[in-house]
């Protein structure tokens, strides 16, 4: 194995965040002569290209590649195929990374003989508004993130199904193949499921830290969750490997609501079922919102229930749309 590490960063219209991402790469405590950074840009039409040009001119280890297809899996595959290193670290242009991110990832790869290593996301508000802060808070708790340990955290290294980003041995791609370019989203989940099915091991390490900036207003957050929901179900058109149960819970919730609401038109039982389902959800929403607000500040109690509702309803509606799209 050579000593070179290749960082691949898919990018498209990220003028607000790509600088933060690259700055966090530049200050890595890993030797820069053993690092190459490949930013694969989907022909951005904002100020991203100009920002990338300045970084590329200033730092010899940063290189910008074009991604004519403009989607994330295409960018990832361009990066993997162009990478010269034996280790490939996938980074997100919407995130920043602690200075020991690369060095610790390599250490865990070696010490645990893992095929992919990832760390914990600390979600930060993209803006200093109450809504943006509440959205960021919601994604760091079980009620908003489910059992995604890379979001909610873990006390010790843990073998998992998937991680955010990830640091891979390049030989993995020779064994498993590349990212599925039919999957505009969820391509990392599907790839890691394929990796595990092939006998690969994926490790989550709690002291590998990255910082992620989610959507900052209700509309963008809701629409983002709809897209996430669609790309939880629709991938079944291209792959026959279902995701984990946690990805389908919002679908069951929405279907249960609609089914009970339809029954309520004809049967009293339907009304009882609807009240039971929605009432139980409302209780949990308020309970977790209060529990979190007592730690983070009571001002969030008035906004967190709406944030969680947007998260779950958006994801669930998206899942239903994904199922309809799958059938059609």
C-alpha atoms as a PDB file:
ATOM      1  CA  UNK A   1       0.000   0.000   0.000  1.00  0.00           C
ATOM      2  CA  UNK A   2       1.336   3.457  -0.868  1.00  0.00           C
ATOM      3  CA  UNK A   3       1.137   6.313   1.615  1.00  0.00           C
ATOM      4  CA  UNK A   4      -1.113   8.520  -0.479  1.00  0.00           C
ATOM      5  CA  UNK A   5      -4.660   9.283   0.692  1.00  0.00           C
ATOM      6  CA  UNK A   6      -7.203  10.549  -1.824  1.00  0.00           C
ATOM      7  CA  UNK A   7     -10.062  12.747  -0.609  1.00  0.00           C
ATOM      8  CA  UNK A   8     -13.017  12.930  -2.985  1.00  0.00           C
ATOM      9  CA  UNK A   9     -15.584  15.717  -2.582  1.00  0.00           C
ATOM     10  CA  UNK A  10     -18.726  15.845  -4.751  1.00  0.00           C
ATOM     11  CA  UNK A  11     -19.810  19.439  -5.204  1.00  0.00           C
ATOM     12  CA  UNK A  12     -22.546  21.448  -6.902  1.00  0.00           C
ATOM     13  CA  UNK A  13     -23.476  25.084  -6.217  1.00  0.00           C
ATOM     14  CA  UNK A  14     -21.870  25.124  -2.777  1.00  0.00           C
ATOM     15  CA  UNK A  15     -20.553  28.687  -2.681  1.00  0.00           C
ATOM     16  CA  UNK A  16     -21.645  29.059   0.968  1.00  0.00           C
ATOM     17  CA  UNK A  17     -19.953  25.908   2.259  1.00  0.00           C
ATOM     18  CA  UNK A  18     -17.150  24.650  -0.023  1.00  0.00           C
ATOM     19  CA  UNK A  19     -14.664  27.100   1.491  1.00  0.00           C
ATOM     20  CA  UNK A  20     -15.366  25.835   5.022  1.00  0.00           C
ATOM     21  CA  UNK A  21     -14.987  22.269   3.811  1.00  0.00           C
ATOM     22  CA  UNK A  22     -11.657  22.845   2.061  1.00  0.00           C
ATOM     23  CA  UNK A  23     -10.292  24.937   4.939  1.00  0.00           C
ATOM     24  CA  UNK A  24     -10.954  22.009   7.272  1.00  0.00           C
ATOM     25  CA  UNK A  25      -9.082  19.721   4.845  1.00  0.00           C
ATOM     26  CA  UNK A  26      -6.125  22.101   4.569  1.00  0.00           C
ATOM     27  CA  UNK A  27      -5.588  22.168   8.355  1.00  0.00           C
ATOM     28  CA  UNK A  28      -5.575  18.357   8.647  1.00  0.00           C
ATOM     29  CA  UNK A  29      -2.620  17.106  10.710  1.00  0.00           C
ATOM     30  CA  UNK A  30      -1.877  14.606   7.921  1.00  0.00           C
ATOM     31  CA  UNK A  31       1.195  15.376   5.718  1.00  0.00           C
ATOM     32  CA  UNK A  32       0.092  17.331   2.649  1.00  0.00           C
ATOM     33  CA  UNK A  33       2.672  15.615   0.426  1.00  0.00           C
ATOM     34  CA  UNK A  34       0.757  12.388   1.087  1.00  0.00           C
ATOM     35  CA  UNK A  35      -2.633  13.870   0.324  1.00  0.00           C
ATOM     36  CA  UNK A  36      -4.592  14.573  -2.838  1.00  0.00           C
ATOM     37  CA  UNK A  37      -7.935  16.340  -2.807  1.00  0.00           C
ATOM     38  CA  UNK A  38     -10.257  15.803  -5.744  1.00  0.00           C
ATOM     39  CA  UNK A  39     -13.255  18.127  -5.859  1.00  0.00           C
ATOM     40  CA  UNK A  40     -15.689  16.796  -8.456  1.00  0.00           C
ATOM     41  CA  UNK A  41     -17.898  19.703  -9.456  1.00  0.00           C
ATOM     42  CA  UNK A  42     -21.225  19.271 -11.269  1.00  0.00           C
ATOM     43  CA  UNK A  43     -20.672  22.334 -13.460  1.00  0.00           C
ATOM     44  CA  UNK A  44     -21.769  24.770 -10.731  1.00  0.00           C
ATOM     45  CA  UNK A  45     -23.382  27.988 -11.948  1.00  0.00           C
ATOM     46  CA  UNK A  46     -22.967  30.063  -8.786  1.00  0.00           C
ATOM     47  CA  UNK A  47     -19.637  31.313  -7.360  1.00  0.00           C
ATOM     48  CA  UNK A  48     -18.394  27.805  -6.543  1.00  0.00           C
ATOM     49  CA  UNK A  49     -16.156  27.483  -9.630  1.00  0.00           C
ATOM     50  CA  UNK A  50     -14.389  30.751  -8.849  1.00  0.00           C
ATOM     51  CA  UNK A  51     -13.796  29.703  -5.237  1.00  0.00           C
ATOM     52  CA  UNK A  52     -12.438  26.328  -6.344  1.00  0.00           C
ATOM     53  CA  UNK A  53     -10.106  27.986  -8.861  1.00  0.00           C
ATOM     54  CA  UNK A  54      -8.517  30.079  -6.096  1.00  0.00           C
ATOM     55  CA  UNK A  55      -7.969  27.047  -3.872  1.00  0.00           C
ATOM     56  CA  UNK A  56      -6.537  25.024  -6.758  1.00  0.00           C
ATOM     57  CA  UNK A  57      -4.095  27.804  -7.647  1.00  0.00           C
ATOM     58  CA  UNK A  58      -2.945  28.175  -4.043  1.00  0.00           C
ATOM     59  CA  UNK A  59      -2.679  24.488  -3.037  1.00  0.00           C
ATOM     60  CA  UNK A  60      -0.989  22.000  -5.340  1.00  0.00           C
ATOM     61  CA  UNK A  61      -2.700  18.990  -3.735  1.00  0.00           C
ATOM     62  CA  UNK A  62      -6.197  20.263  -4.639  1.00  0.00           C
ATOM     63  CA  UNK A  63      -7.533  19.359  -8.069  1.00  0.00           C
ATOM     64  CA  UNK A  64     -10.951  20.122  -9.585  1.00  0.00           C
ATOM     65  CA  UNK A  65     -12.634  17.598 -11.876  1.00  0.00           C
ATOM     66  CA  UNK A  66     -15.807  18.083 -13.922  1.00  0.00           C
ATOM     67  CA  UNK A  67     -18.960  16.050 -13.422  1.00  0.00           C
ATOM     68  CA  UNK A  68     -21.168  16.587 -16.511  1.00  0.00           C
ATOM     69  CA  UNK A  69     -23.926  14.317 -15.119  1.00  0.00           C
ATOM     70  CA  UNK A  70     -24.202  16.641 -12.089  1.00  0.00           C
ATOM     71  CA  UNK A  71     -25.336  13.969  -9.619  1.00  0.00           C
ATOM     72  CA  UNK A  72     -23.542  12.676  -6.530  1.00  0.00           C
ATOM     73  CA  UNK A  73     -22.920   9.002  -7.468  1.00  0.00           C
ATOM     74  CA  UNK A  74     -21.390  10.065 -10.806  1.00  0.00           C
ATOM     75  CA  UNK A  75     -19.113  12.477  -8.951  1.00  0.00           C
ATOM     76  CA  UNK A  76     -18.093   9.756  -6.502  1.00  0.00           C
ATOM     77  CA  UNK A  77     -17.265   7.323  -9.293  1.00  0.00           C
ATOM     78  CA  UNK A  78     -15.232   9.935 -11.153  1.00  0.00           C
ATOM     79  CA  UNK A  79     -13.337  10.567  -7.936  1.00  0.00           C
ATOM     80  CA  UNK A  80     -12.729   6.896  -7.153  1.00  0.00           C
ATOM     81  CA  UNK A  81     -11.506   6.156 -10.694  1.00  0.00           C
ATOM     82  CA  UNK A  82      -9.235   9.214 -10.708  1.00  0.00           C
ATOM     83  CA  UNK A  83      -7.821   8.668  -7.207  1.00  0.00           C
ATOM     84  CA  UNK A  84      -4.171   7.642  -6.954  1.00  0.00           C
ATOM     85  CA  UNK A  85      -4.243   6.704  -3.282  1.00  0.00           C
ATOM     86  CA  UNK A  86      -4.798   3.261  -1.777  1.00  0.00           C
ATOM     87  CA  UNK A  87      -7.151   4.857   0.739  1.00  0.00           C
ATOM     88  CA  UNK A  88     -10.103   6.980  -0.374  1.00  0.00           C
ATOM     89  CA  UNK A  89     -11.897   9.330   2.006  1.00  0.00           C
ATOM     90  CA  UNK A  90     -15.300  10.521   0.866  1.00  0.00           C
ATOM     91  CA  UNK A  91     -16.133  13.986   2.165  1.00  0.00           C
ATOM     92  CA  UNK A  92     -19.238  16.130   1.812  1.00  0.00           C
ATOM     93  CA  UNK A  93     -18.958  19.717   0.572  1.00  0.00           C
ATOM     94  CA  UNK A  94     -21.727  20.676   3.018  1.00  0.00           C
ATOM     95  CA  UNK A  95     -19.582  19.677   5.992  1.00  0.00           C
ATOM     96  CA  UNK A  96     -16.335  20.498   7.813  1.00  0.00           C
ATOM     97  CA  UNK A  97     -13.940  18.137   9.572  1.00  0.00           C
ATOM     98  CA  UNK A  98     -11.794  18.077  12.697  1.00  0.00           C
ATOM     99  CA  UNK A  99      -8.071  18.390  11.985  1.00  0.00           C
ATOM    100  CA  UNK A 100      -7.355  14.757  12.952  1.00  0.00           C
ATOM    101  CA  UNK A 101     -10.167  13.340  10.804  1.00  0.00           C
ATOM    102  CA  UNK A 102      -7.871  11.693   8.244  1.00  0.00           C
ATOM    103  CA  UNK A 103      -5.160  10.522  10.629  1.00  0.00           C
ATOM    104  CA  UNK A 104      -7.676   8.907  12.979  1.00  0.00           C
ATOM    105  CA  UNK A 105      -9.572   7.301  10.107  1.00  0.00           C
ATOM    106  CA  UNK A 106      -6.362   5.670   8.891  1.00  0.00           C
ATOM    107  CA  UNK A 107      -5.512   4.500  12.401  1.00  0.00           C
ATOM    108  CA  UNK A 108      -8.899   2.816  12.832  1.00  0.00           C
ATOM    109  CA  UNK A 109      -8.696   1.272   9.362  1.00  0.00           C
ATOM    110  CA  UNK A 110      -5.416  -0.360  10.335  1.00  0.00           C
ATOM    111  CA  UNK A 111      -6.110  -1.207  13.993  1.00  0.00           C
ATOM    112  CA  UNK A 112      -9.534  -2.768  13.348  1.00  0.00           C
ATOM    113  CA  UNK A 113      -8.787  -4.194   9.881  1.00  0.00           C
ATOM    114  CA  UNK A 114     -11.928  -2.438   8.673  1.00  0.00           C
ATOM    115  CA  UNK A 115     -12.910  -1.809   5.050  1.00  0.00           C
ATOM    116  CA  UNK A 116     -14.664   1.472   5.748  1.00  0.00           C
ATOM    117  CA  UNK A 117     -14.366   3.801   8.736  1.00  0.00           C
ATOM    118  CA  UNK A 118     -16.553   6.766   9.586  1.00  0.00           C
ATOM    119  CA  UNK A 119     -17.236   9.018  12.526  1.00  0.00           C
ATOM    120  CA  UNK A 120     -19.828  11.101  14.305  1.00  0.00           C
ATOM    121  CA  UNK A 121     -21.675  14.028  12.750  1.00  0.00           C
ATOM    122  CA  UNK A 122     -22.155  17.070  14.938  1.00  0.00           C
ATOM    123  CA  UNK A 123     -24.974  18.971  13.269  1.00  0.00           C
ATOM    124  CA  UNK A 124     -24.572  22.753  13.341  1.00  0.00           C
ATOM    125  CA  UNK A 125     -27.110  25.425  12.312  1.00  0.00           C
ATOM    126  CA  UNK A 126     -26.445  26.914   8.877  1.00  0.00           C
ATOM    127  CA  UNK A 127     -27.776  30.238  10.162  1.00  0.00           C
ATOM    128  CA  UNK A 128     -28.141  31.849  13.579  1.00  0.00           C
ATOM    129  CA  UNK A 129     -31.923  31.671  13.643  1.00  0.00           C
ATOM    130  CA  UNK A 130     -34.199  29.817  16.041  1.00  0.00           C
ATOM    131  CA  UNK A 131     -35.544  27.612  13.247  1.00  0.00           C
ATOM    132  CA  UNK A 132     -32.078  26.729  11.916  1.00  0.00           C
ATOM    133  CA  UNK A 133     -30.868  25.916  15.432  1.00  0.00           C
ATOM    134  CA  UNK A 134     -33.929  23.743  16.151  1.00  0.00           C
ATOM    135  CA  UNK A 135     -33.448  21.826  12.884  1.00  0.00           C
ATOM    136  CA  UNK A 136     -29.807  21.155  13.751  1.00  0.00           C
ATOM    137  CA  UNK A 137     -30.760  20.018  17.269  1.00  0.00           C
ATOM    138  CA  UNK A 138     -33.478  17.667  15.993  1.00  0.00           C
ATOM    139  CA  UNK A 139     -31.040  15.736  13.798  1.00  0.00           C
ATOM    140  CA  UNK A 140     -28.814  14.879  16.739  1.00  0.00           C
ATOM    141  CA  UNK A 141     -31.455  12.999  18.743  1.00  0.00           C
ATOM    142  CA  UNK A 142     -33.094   9.599  18.448  1.00  0.00           C
ATOM    143  CA  UNK A 143     -36.556  11.013  17.727  1.00  0.00           C
ATOM    144  CA  UNK A 144     -35.226  12.913  14.731  1.00  0.00           C
ATOM    145  CA  UNK A 145     -32.495  10.585  13.515  1.00  0.00           C
ATOM    146  CA  UNK A 146     -33.685   7.124  14.553  1.00  0.00           C
ATOM    147  CA  UNK A 147     -30.925   4.646  15.302  1.00  0.00           C
ATOM    148  CA  UNK A 148     -28.401   6.307  12.984  1.00  0.00           C
ATOM    149  CA  UNK A 149     -25.457   6.090  15.367  1.00  0.00           C
ATOM    150  CA  UNK A 150     -23.343   8.434  13.276  1.00  0.00           C
ATOM    151  CA  UNK A 151     -25.912  11.112  14.156  1.00  0.00           C
ATOM    152  CA  UNK A 152     -26.914  10.274  17.725  1.00  0.00           C
ATOM    153  CA  UNK A 153     -23.439   9.111  18.797  1.00  0.00           C
ATOM    154  CA  UNK A 154     -21.867   6.117  20.492  1.00  0.00           C
ATOM    155  CA  UNK A 155     -19.507   5.705  23.466  1.00  0.00           C
ATOM    156  CA  UNK A 156     -17.109   3.296  21.793  1.00  0.00           C
ATOM    157  CA  UNK A 157     -16.149   2.007  18.316  1.00  0.00           C
ATOM    158  CA  UNK A 158     -19.051   0.095  16.833  1.00  0.00           C
ATOM    159  CA  UNK A 159     -19.591  -2.133  13.780  1.00  0.00           C
ATOM    160  CA  UNK A 160     -22.457  -0.631  11.787  1.00  0.00           C
ATOM    161  CA  UNK A 161     -24.349  -0.847   8.471  1.00  0.00           C
ATOM    162  CA  UNK A 162     -23.344   2.554   7.127  1.00  0.00           C
ATOM    163  CA  UNK A 163     -21.508   5.748   8.053  1.00  0.00           C
ATOM    164  CA  UNK A 164     -21.461   9.371   6.958  1.00  0.00           C
ATOM    165  CA  UNK A 165     -18.826   9.869   4.270  1.00  0.00           C
ATOM    166  CA  UNK A 166     -16.395   7.127   5.094  1.00  0.00           C
ATOM    167  CA  UNK A 167     -12.751   6.287   4.614  1.00  0.00           C
ATOM    168  CA  UNK A 168     -12.380   3.231   2.351  1.00  0.00           C
ATOM    169  CA  UNK A 169      -9.580   0.975   1.286  1.00  0.00           C
ATOM    170  CA  UNK A 170      -9.479   1.413  -2.492  1.00  0.00           C
ATOM    171  CA  UNK A 171      -9.408  -2.359  -2.967  1.00  0.00           C
ATOM    172  CA  UNK A 172     -13.033  -2.351  -1.745  1.00  0.00           C
ATOM    173  CA  UNK A 173     -14.161  -0.840  -5.051  1.00  0.00           C
ATOM    174  CA  UNK A 174     -12.411  -3.578  -7.017  1.00  0.00           C
ATOM    175  CA  UNK A 175     -14.292  -6.182  -4.994  1.00  0.00           C
ATOM    176  CA  UNK A 176     -17.724  -4.562  -4.643  1.00  0.00           C
ATOM    177  CA  UNK A 177     -17.906  -2.242  -7.646  1.00  0.00           C
ATOM    178  CA  UNK A 178     -18.708   1.450  -7.764  1.00  0.00           C
ATOM    179  CA  UNK A 179     -21.567   3.623  -6.545  1.00  0.00           C
ATOM    180  CA  UNK A 180     -24.874   2.977  -8.294  1.00  0.00           C
ATOM    181  CA  UNK A 181     -25.431   5.969 -10.590  1.00  0.00           C
ATOM    182  CA  UNK A 182     -29.173   5.309 -10.737  1.00  0.00           C
ATOM    183  CA  UNK A 183     -29.420   6.393  -7.104  1.00  0.00           C
ATOM    184  CA  UNK A 184     -29.417  10.184  -6.957  1.00  0.00           C
ATOM    185  CA  UNK A 185     -29.589   9.788  -3.167  1.00  0.00           C
ATOM    186  CA  UNK A 186     -28.987   6.886  -0.789  1.00  0.00           C
ATOM    187  CA  UNK A 187     -26.104   5.646  -2.945  1.00  0.00           C
ATOM    188  CA  UNK A 188     -23.831   5.468   0.110  1.00  0.00           C
ATOM    189  CA  UNK A 189     -26.343   3.349   2.082  1.00  0.00           C
ATOM    190  CA  UNK A 190     -26.766   0.961  -0.844  1.00  0.00           C
ATOM    191  CA  UNK A 191     -23.016   0.719  -1.421  1.00  0.00           C
ATOM    192  CA  UNK A 192     -22.320  -0.055   2.225  1.00  0.00           C
ATOM    193  CA  UNK A 193     -25.038  -2.726   2.267  1.00  0.00           C
ATOM    194  CA  UNK A 194     -23.329  -4.282  -0.757  1.00  0.00           C
ATOM    195  CA  UNK A 195     -19.997  -4.042   1.022  1.00  0.00           C
ATOM    196  CA  UNK A 196     -21.337  -5.824   4.103  1.00  0.00           C
ATOM    197  CA  UNK A 197     -23.007  -8.496   1.975  1.00  0.00           C
ATOM    198  CA  UNK A 198     -19.604  -9.164   0.392  1.00  0.00           C
ATOM    199  CA  UNK A 199     -18.077  -9.691   3.834  1.00  0.00           C
ATOM    200  CA  UNK A 200     -16.754  -6.185   4.361  1.00  0.00           C
ATOM    201  CA  UNK A 201     -16.610  -4.484   7.766  1.00  0.00           C
ATOM    202  CA  UNK A 202     -17.771  -0.934   8.498  1.00  0.00           C
ATOM    203  CA  UNK A 203     -16.617   0.773  11.686  1.00  0.00           C
ATOM    204  CA  UNK A 204     -18.045   3.835  13.424  1.00  0.00           C
ATOM    205  CA  UNK A 205     -15.523   5.591  15.664  1.00  0.00           C
ATOM    206  CA  UNK A 206     -16.830   8.172  18.186  1.00  0.00           C
ATOM    207  CA  UNK A 207     -13.692  10.332  18.170  1.00  0.00           C
ATOM    208  CA  UNK A 208     -13.715  10.934  14.408  1.00  0.00           C
ATOM    209  CA  UNK A 209     -15.735  14.137  14.151  1.00  0.00           C
ATOM    210  CA  UNK A 210     -17.301  16.066  11.305  1.00  0.00           C
ATOM    211  CA  UNK A 211     -19.652  19.037  11.328  1.00  0.00           C
ATOM    212  CA  UNK A 212     -22.687  19.134   9.059  1.00  0.00           C
ATOM    213  CA  UNK A 213     -24.888  22.098   8.107  1.00  0.00           C
ATOM    214  CA  UNK A 214     -28.513  21.073   7.354  1.00  0.00           C
ATOM    215  CA  UNK A 215     -31.259  23.135   5.717  1.00  0.00           C
ATOM    216  CA  UNK A 216     -32.068  26.268   7.678  1.00  0.00           C
ATOM    217  CA  UNK A 217     -35.787  26.912   7.049  1.00  0.00           C
ATOM    218  CA  UNK A 218     -38.995  24.865   7.184  1.00  0.00           C
ATOM    219  CA  UNK A 219     -39.646  24.787   3.455  1.00  0.00           C
ATOM    220  CA  UNK A 220     -36.191  23.572   2.437  1.00  0.00           C
ATOM    221  CA  UNK A 221     -36.067  21.151   5.375  1.00  0.00           C
ATOM    222  CA  UNK A 222     -39.480  19.681   4.515  1.00  0.00           C
ATOM    223  CA  UNK A 223     -38.651  19.306   0.812  1.00  0.00           C
ATOM    224  CA  UNK A 224     -35.292  17.747   1.665  1.00  0.00           C
ATOM    225  CA  UNK A 225     -37.027  15.143   3.825  1.00  0.00           C
ATOM    226  CA  UNK A 226     -39.491  14.379   1.032  1.00  0.00           C
ATOM    227  CA  UNK A 227     -36.563  13.662  -1.279  1.00  0.00           C
ATOM    228  CA  UNK A 228     -34.932  11.478   1.388  1.00  0.00           C
ATOM    229  CA  UNK A 229     -38.171   9.527   1.698  1.00  0.00           C
ATOM    230  CA  UNK A 230     -38.492   9.043  -2.058  1.00  0.00           C
ATOM    231  CA  UNK A 231     -34.938   7.739  -2.301  1.00  0.00           C
ATOM    232  CA  UNK A 232     -35.522   5.268   0.502  1.00  0.00           C
ATOM    233  CA  UNK A 233     -38.198   3.413  -1.486  1.00  0.00           C
ATOM    234  CA  UNK A 234     -37.476   4.141  -5.147  1.00  0.00           C
ATOM    235  CA  UNK A 235     -34.002   2.470  -5.118  1.00  0.00           C
ATOM    236  CA  UNK A 236     -35.831  -0.885  -5.039  1.00  0.00           C
ATOM    237  CA  UNK A 237     -36.371  -0.321  -8.775  1.00  0.00           C
ATOM    238  CA  UNK A 238     -32.634  -0.657  -9.319  1.00  0.00           C
ATOM    239  CA  UNK A 239     -31.476  -2.899  -6.472  1.00  0.00           C
ATOM    240  CA  UNK A 240     -33.172  -5.838  -4.776  1.00  0.00           C
ATOM    241  CA  UNK A 241     -31.617  -5.141  -1.400  1.00  0.00           C
ATOM    242  CA  UNK A 242     -34.004  -3.321   1.004  1.00  0.00           C
ATOM    243  CA  UNK A 243     -32.641  -0.827   3.511  1.00  0.00           C
ATOM    244  CA  UNK A 244     -32.946  -1.307   7.267  1.00  0.00           C
ATOM    245  CA  UNK A 245     -36.321  -1.203   9.069  1.00  0.00           C
ATOM    246  CA  UNK A 246     -35.686   2.277  10.508  1.00  0.00           C
ATOM    247  CA  UNK A 247     -35.806   3.753   7.009  1.00  0.00           C
ATOM    248  CA  UNK A 248     -39.379   2.540   6.522  1.00  0.00           C
ATOM    249  CA  UNK A 249     -40.973   3.612   9.820  1.00  0.00           C
ATOM    250  CA  UNK A 250     -42.145   7.019   8.442  1.00  0.00           C
ATOM    251  CA  UNK A 251     -43.802   5.144   5.541  1.00  0.00           C
ATOM    252  CA  UNK A 252     -45.726   2.901   7.962  1.00  0.00           C
ATOM    253  CA  UNK A 253     -46.732   5.972   9.977  1.00  0.00           C
ATOM    254  CA  UNK A 254     -48.143   7.870   6.990  1.00  0.00           C
ATOM    255  CA  UNK A 255     -49.883   4.791   5.570  1.00  0.00           C
ATOM    256  CA  UNK A 256     -51.412   4.142   8.992  1.00  0.00           C
ATOM    257  CA  UNK A 257     -52.709   7.711   9.194  1.00  0.00           C
ATOM    258  CA  UNK A 258     -54.252   7.659   5.708  1.00  0.00           C
ATOM    259  CA  UNK A 259     -55.685   4.180   6.151  1.00  0.00           C
ATOM    260  CA  UNK A 260     -57.318   5.010   9.483  1.00  0.00           C
ATOM    261  CA  UNK A 261     -58.580   8.341   8.127  1.00  0.00           C
ATOM    262  CA  UNK A 262     -60.200   6.552   5.174  1.00  0.00           C
ATOM    263  CA  UNK A 263     -61.795   3.982   7.496  1.00  0.00           C
ATOM    264  CA  UNK A 264     -63.141   6.747   9.729  1.00  0.00           C
ATOM    265  CA  UNK A 265     -65.488   7.840   6.916  1.00  0.00           C
ATOM    266  CA  UNK A 266     -67.360   4.545   7.221  1.00  0.00           C
ATOM    267  CA  UNK A 267     -66.526   3.106  10.659  1.00  0.00           C
ATOM    268  CA  UNK A 268     -66.179   4.449  14.189  1.00  0.00           C
ATOM    269  CA  UNK A 269     -63.249   2.078  14.570  1.00  0.00           C
ATOM    270  CA  UNK A 270     -61.410   4.106  11.925  1.00  0.00           C
ATOM    271  CA  UNK A 271     -61.815   7.291  13.965  1.00  0.00           C
ATOM    272  CA  UNK A 272     -60.546   5.550  17.083  1.00  0.00           C
ATOM    273  CA  UNK A 273     -57.558   4.160  15.170  1.00  0.00           C
ATOM    274  CA  UNK A 274     -56.724   7.563  13.679  1.00  0.00           C
ATOM    275  CA  UNK A 275     -56.884   9.284  17.079  1.00  0.00           C
ATOM    276  CA  UNK A 276     -54.758   6.512  18.580  1.00  0.00           C
ATOM    277  CA  UNK A 277     -52.047   6.759  15.898  1.00  0.00           C
ATOM    278  CA  UNK A 278     -51.942  10.538  15.622  1.00  0.00           C
ATOM    279  CA  UNK A 279     -52.457  11.058  19.352  1.00  0.00           C
ATOM    280  CA  UNK A 280     -49.595   8.722  20.206  1.00  0.00           C
ATOM    281  CA  UNK A 281     -47.355  10.541  17.750  1.00  0.00           C
ATOM    282  CA  UNK A 282     -48.349  13.946  19.098  1.00  0.00           C
ATOM    283  CA  UNK A 283     -47.601  12.803  22.659  1.00  0.00           C
ATOM    284  CA  UNK A 284     -44.146  11.530  21.644  1.00  0.00           C
ATOM    285  CA  UNK A 285     -43.441  14.681  19.658  1.00  0.00           C
ATOM    286  CA  UNK A 286     -44.251  16.932  22.615  1.00  0.00           C
ATOM    287  CA  UNK A 287     -42.493  14.620  25.109  1.00  0.00           C
ATOM    288  CA  UNK A 288     -39.179  14.538  23.241  1.00  0.00           C
ATOM    289  CA  UNK A 289     -39.395  18.223  22.352  1.00  0.00           C
ATOM    290  CA  UNK A 290     -39.816  19.096  26.036  1.00  0.00           C
ATOM    291  CA  UNK A 291     -37.075  16.702  27.122  1.00  0.00           C
ATOM    292  CA  UNK A 292     -34.622  18.226  24.658  1.00  0.00           C
ATOM    293  CA  UNK A 293     -35.717  21.795  25.433  1.00  0.00           C
ATOM    294  CA  UNK A 294     -35.060  21.307  29.144  1.00  0.00           C
ATOM    295  CA  UNK A 295     -31.409  20.679  28.167  1.00  0.00           C
ATOM    296  CA  UNK A 296     -30.998  23.076  25.264  1.00  0.00           C
ATOM    297  CA  UNK A 297     -33.322  25.906  26.289  1.00  0.00           C
ATOM    298  CA  UNK A 298     -37.067  26.230  26.691  1.00  0.00           C
ATOM    299  CA  UNK A 299     -37.241  28.611  23.725  1.00  0.00           C
ATOM    300  CA  UNK A 300     -36.880  25.557  21.477  1.00  0.00           C
ATOM    301  CA  UNK A 301     -39.999  23.891  22.869  1.00  0.00           C
ATOM    302  CA  UNK A 302     -42.197  26.135  20.753  1.00  0.00           C
ATOM    303  CA  UNK A 303     -40.445  25.187  17.516  1.00  0.00           C
ATOM    304  CA  UNK A 304     -39.112  21.632  17.953  1.00  0.00           C
ATOM    305  CA  UNK A 305     -42.526  19.914  17.673  1.00  0.00           C
ATOM    306  CA  UNK A 306     -43.002  21.560  14.256  1.00  0.00           C
ATOM    307  CA  UNK A 307     -39.467  20.601  13.210  1.00  0.00           C
ATOM    308  CA  UNK A 308     -39.989  16.948  14.157  1.00  0.00           C
ATOM    309  CA  UNK A 309     -43.395  16.960  12.448  1.00  0.00           C
ATOM    310  CA  UNK A 310     -41.799  18.346   9.264  1.00  0.00           C
ATOM    311  CA  UNK A 311     -39.089  15.710   9.466  1.00  0.00           C
ATOM    312  CA  UNK A 312     -41.400  12.728   9.915  1.00  0.00           C
ATOM    313  CA  UNK A 313     -44.286  13.810   7.697  1.00  0.00           C
ATOM    314  CA  UNK A 314     -41.932  14.922   4.922  1.00  0.00           C
ATOM    315  CA  UNK A 315     -39.986  11.667   5.027  1.00  0.00           C
ATOM    316  CA  UNK A 316     -43.193   9.634   5.186  1.00  0.00           C
ATOM    317  CA  UNK A 317     -44.896  11.473   2.325  1.00  0.00           C
ATOM    318  CA  UNK A 318     -41.712  11.097   0.298  1.00  0.00           C
ATOM    319  CA  UNK A 319     -41.712   7.363   1.002  1.00  0.00           C
ATOM    320  CA  UNK A 320     -45.287   7.088  -0.291  1.00  0.00           C
ATOM    321  CA  UNK A 321     -44.334   9.062  -3.410  1.00  0.00           C
ATOM    322  CA  UNK A 322     -41.324   6.801  -3.845  1.00  0.00           C
ATOM    323  CA  UNK A 323     -43.578   3.738  -3.654  1.00  0.00           C
ATOM    324  CA  UNK A 324     -45.954   5.221  -6.250  1.00  0.00           C
ATOM    325  CA  UNK A 325     -43.003   6.090  -8.467  1.00  0.00           C
ATOM    326  CA  UNK A 326     -41.720   2.550  -8.048  1.00  0.00           C
ATOM    327  CA  UNK A 327     -45.041   1.056  -9.181  1.00  0.00           C
ATOM    328  CA  UNK A 328     -45.263   3.374 -12.173  1.00  0.00           C
END
